[in-house]
């Protein structure tokens, strides 16, 4: 079984990167791959509880992120990026793990394939 690291760097609403990242993550675990979804930069906003997508024209992805976690995707949010986006641990969807830069580097090193969104 292969391991994939999917890195989301962009905010969830504004372009299709976040939607594509969660879609690919779910597809990977459905195909019995080990998937780490790593949220960095403004991508950490995907992990925010109570997302407001009003007026964006995009589908709310909070429920889809929870589905990913339920399916077995390991989701990590970069601690420094979360601080920059003013997210506290209480603001983050249950099941998302806060990780240091060193922990994220280790996850990416362990992956056979890396996809960046």
Foldseek 3Di string as FASTA:
>chain_A
DFEEEEEEADAVFDDCRLVVSLVVLLVQVVVVYAYEYEYAANSQNLFFPPDDCPPRPDDNCVVSVVVSLVSRHQYEYEPVNCVVVVHDPVRGHPRYHYDYPVVVVVSNVRGPYYHYD
